[in-house]
Amino acid sequence: MEDTAQRCIAIIAKAKNIPADKITLDTSFEELNIDSLDKINISFEVEEAFDIAIPDDALGSLKTVGDVVRGVDQLVAAKTSGSAPATAS
């Protein structure tokens, strides 16, 4: 999860032009001024970085950086185990 966290934080930091060391797993999207368009752009970057597909309906439930990391970990695990498609919610 640590590598996932670092990669997700780097993507969010780049998208918002914020130093990565200012972002933690507990940082909320509200604190980072991430709006719905930012969420979409960040999700595209995360999908590309991890070769996964984030369900559209999952975007609304993401409130913190930690939510993103946990979701990515779940999607990657489902994809690698073959137990569910990478788009499973």
C-alpha atoms as a PDB file:
ATOM      1  CA  MET A   1       0.000   0.000   0.000  1.00  0.00           C
ATOM      2  CA  GLU A   2       2.916   2.346   0.621  1.00  0.00           C
ATOM      3  CA  ASP A   3       3.962   2.343  -3.038  1.00  0.00           C
ATOM      4  CA  THR A   4       0.342   2.852  -4.066  1.00  0.00           C
ATOM      5  CA  ALA A   5       0.047   5.746  -1.624  1.00  0.00           C
ATOM      6  CA  GLN A   6       3.217   7.413  -2.876  1.00  0.00           C
ATOM      7  CA  ARG A   7       2.146   7.073  -6.495  1.00  0.00           C
ATOM      8  CA  CYS A   8      -1.379   8.367  -5.827  1.00  0.00           C
ATOM      9  CA  ILE A   9      -0.050  11.278  -3.784  1.00  0.00           C
ATOM     10  CA  ALA A  10       2.380  12.151  -6.593  1.00  0.00           C
ATOM     11  CA  ILE A  11      -0.461  12.150  -9.130  1.00  0.00           C
ATOM     12  CA  ILE A  12      -2.653  14.360  -6.939  1.00  0.00           C
ATOM     13  CA  ALA A  13       0.242  16.688  -6.108  1.00  0.00           C
ATOM     14  CA  LYS A  14       1.034  17.147  -9.786  1.00  0.00           C
ATOM     15  CA  ALA A  15      -2.620  17.707 -10.710  1.00  0.00           C
ATOM     16  CA  LYS A  16      -3.046  20.399  -8.053  1.00  0.00           C
ATOM     17  CA  ASN A  17       0.507  21.792  -8.205  1.00  0.00           C
ATOM     18  CA  ILE A  18       1.025  21.088  -4.496  1.00  0.00           C
ATOM     19  CA  PRO A  19       4.186  19.666  -2.894  1.00  0.00           C
ATOM     20  CA  ALA A  20       3.665  15.939  -2.286  1.00  0.00           C
ATOM     21  CA  ASP A  21       4.976  16.253   1.269  1.00  0.00           C
ATOM     22  CA  LYS A  22       1.953  18.431   2.095  1.00  0.00           C
ATOM     23  CA  ILE A  23      -0.434  15.556   1.279  1.00  0.00           C
ATOM     24  CA  THR A  24      -1.214  12.630   3.599  1.00  0.00           C
ATOM     25  CA  LEU A  25      -3.701   9.776   3.442  1.00  0.00           C
ATOM     26  CA  ASP A  26      -5.967  11.782   5.751  1.00  0.00           C
ATOM     27  CA  THR A  27      -5.936  14.880   3.544  1.00  0.00           C
ATOM     28  CA  SER A  28      -9.437  15.546   2.266  1.00  0.00           C
ATOM     29  CA  PHE A  29     -10.242  16.557  -1.275  1.00  0.00           C
ATOM     30  CA  GLU A  30     -11.929  19.611   0.222  1.00  0.00           C
ATOM     31  CA  GLU A  31      -8.633  20.681   1.823  1.00  0.00           C
ATOM     32  CA  LEU A  32      -6.945  20.331  -1.569  1.00  0.00           C
ATOM     33  CA  ASN A  33      -9.744  22.213  -3.341  1.00  0.00           C
ATOM     34  CA  ILE A  34     -10.388  19.212  -5.570  1.00  0.00           C
ATOM     35  CA  ASP A  35     -13.645  19.625  -7.465  1.00  0.00           C
ATOM     36  CA  SER A  36     -15.515  17.139  -9.639  1.00  0.00           C
ATOM     37  CA  LEU A  37     -13.472  17.987 -12.743  1.00  0.00           C
ATOM     38  CA  ASP A  38     -10.251  17.504 -10.774  1.00  0.00           C
ATOM     39  CA  LYS A  39     -11.550  14.113  -9.590  1.00  0.00           C
ATOM     40  CA  ILE A  40     -12.134  13.049 -13.181  1.00  0.00           C
ATOM     41  CA  ASN A  41      -8.690  14.197 -14.305  1.00  0.00           C
ATOM     42  CA  ILE A  42      -7.003  12.542 -11.323  1.00  0.00           C
ATOM     43  CA  SER A  43      -8.945   9.327 -11.902  1.00  0.00           C
ATOM     44  CA  PHE A  44      -7.732   9.193 -15.525  1.00  0.00           C
ATOM     45  CA  GLU A  45      -4.140   9.581 -14.357  1.00  0.00           C
ATOM     46  CA  VAL A  46      -4.573   6.931 -11.663  1.00  0.00           C
ATOM     47  CA  GLU A  47      -6.223   4.533 -14.118  1.00  0.00           C
ATOM     48  CA  GLU A  48      -3.329   4.935 -16.525  1.00  0.00           C
ATOM     49  CA  ALA A  49      -0.673   4.596 -13.819  1.00  0.00           C
ATOM     50  CA  PHE A  50      -2.148   1.397 -12.361  1.00  0.00           C
ATOM     51  CA  ASP A  51      -3.795  -0.061 -15.498  1.00  0.00           C
ATOM     52  CA  ILE A  52      -7.217  -0.211 -13.844  1.00  0.00           C
ATOM     53  CA  ALA A  53     -10.671   1.240 -14.491  1.00  0.00           C
ATOM     54  CA  ILE A  54     -12.287   3.241 -11.703  1.00  0.00           C
ATOM     55  CA  PRO A  55     -16.086   2.966 -11.833  1.00  0.00           C
ATOM     56  CA  ASP A  56     -17.747   6.328 -12.480  1.00  0.00           C
ATOM     57  CA  ASP A  57     -20.079   5.851  -9.526  1.00  0.00           C
ATOM     58  CA  ALA A  58     -17.087   5.405  -7.209  1.00  0.00           C
ATOM     59  CA  LEU A  59     -15.776   8.922  -7.862  1.00  0.00           C
ATOM     60  CA  GLY A  60     -18.493  10.539  -5.782  1.00  0.00           C
ATOM     61  CA  SER A  61     -17.611   8.500  -2.712  1.00  0.00           C
ATOM     62  CA  LEU A  62     -13.946   9.525  -2.722  1.00  0.00           C
ATOM     63  CA  LYS A  63     -13.419  12.078   0.038  1.00  0.00           C
ATOM     64  CA  THR A  64      -9.765  11.655   1.046  1.00  0.00           C
ATOM     65  CA  VAL A  65      -6.464  10.635  -0.475  1.00  0.00           C
ATOM     66  CA  GLY A  66      -6.695   7.462   1.607  1.00  0.00           C
ATOM     67  CA  ASP A  67     -10.008   6.617  -0.084  1.00  0.00           C
ATOM     68  CA  VAL A  68      -8.234   6.728  -3.444  1.00  0.00           C
ATOM     69  CA  VAL A  69      -5.374   4.537  -2.235  1.00  0.00           C
ATOM     70  CA  ARG A  70      -7.699   1.925  -0.722  1.00  0.00           C
ATOM     71  CA  GLY A  71      -9.820   1.877  -3.870  1.00  0.00           C
ATOM     72  CA  VAL A  72      -6.782   1.469  -6.101  1.00  0.00           C
ATOM     73  CA  ASP A  73      -5.460  -1.351  -3.915  1.00  0.00           C
ATOM     74  CA  GLN A  74      -8.823  -3.138  -4.126  1.00  0.00           C
ATOM     75  CA  LEU A  75      -9.041  -2.768  -7.903  1.00  0.00           C
ATOM     76  CA  VAL A  76      -5.450  -3.903  -8.428  1.00  0.00           C
ATOM     77  CA  ALA A  77      -5.974  -6.898  -6.125  1.00  0.00           C
ATOM     78  CA  ALA A  78      -9.175  -7.874  -7.947  1.00  0.00           C
ATOM     79  CA  LYS A  79      -7.425  -7.562 -11.289  1.00  0.00           C
ATOM     80  CA  THR A  80      -4.376  -9.600 -10.302  1.00  0.00           C
ATOM     81  CA  SER A  81      -6.372 -12.333  -8.542  1.00  0.00           C
ATOM     82  CA  GLY A  82      -8.732 -12.658 -11.451  1.00  0.00           C
ATOM     83  CA  SER A  83     -11.611 -12.896  -8.992  1.00  0.00           C
ATOM     84  CA  ALA A  84     -13.398  -9.888 -10.416  1.00  0.00           C
ATOM     85  CA  PRO A  85     -12.982  -7.506 -13.315  1.00  0.00           C
ATOM     86  CA  ALA A  86     -10.859  -4.417 -12.666  1.00  0.00           C
ATOM     87  CA  THR A  87     -13.994  -2.300 -13.037  1.00  0.00           C
ATOM     88  CA  ALA A  88     -15.795  -3.969 -10.121  1.00  0.00           C
ATOM     89  CA  SER A  89     -17.126  -1.559  -7.525  1.00  0.00           C
END
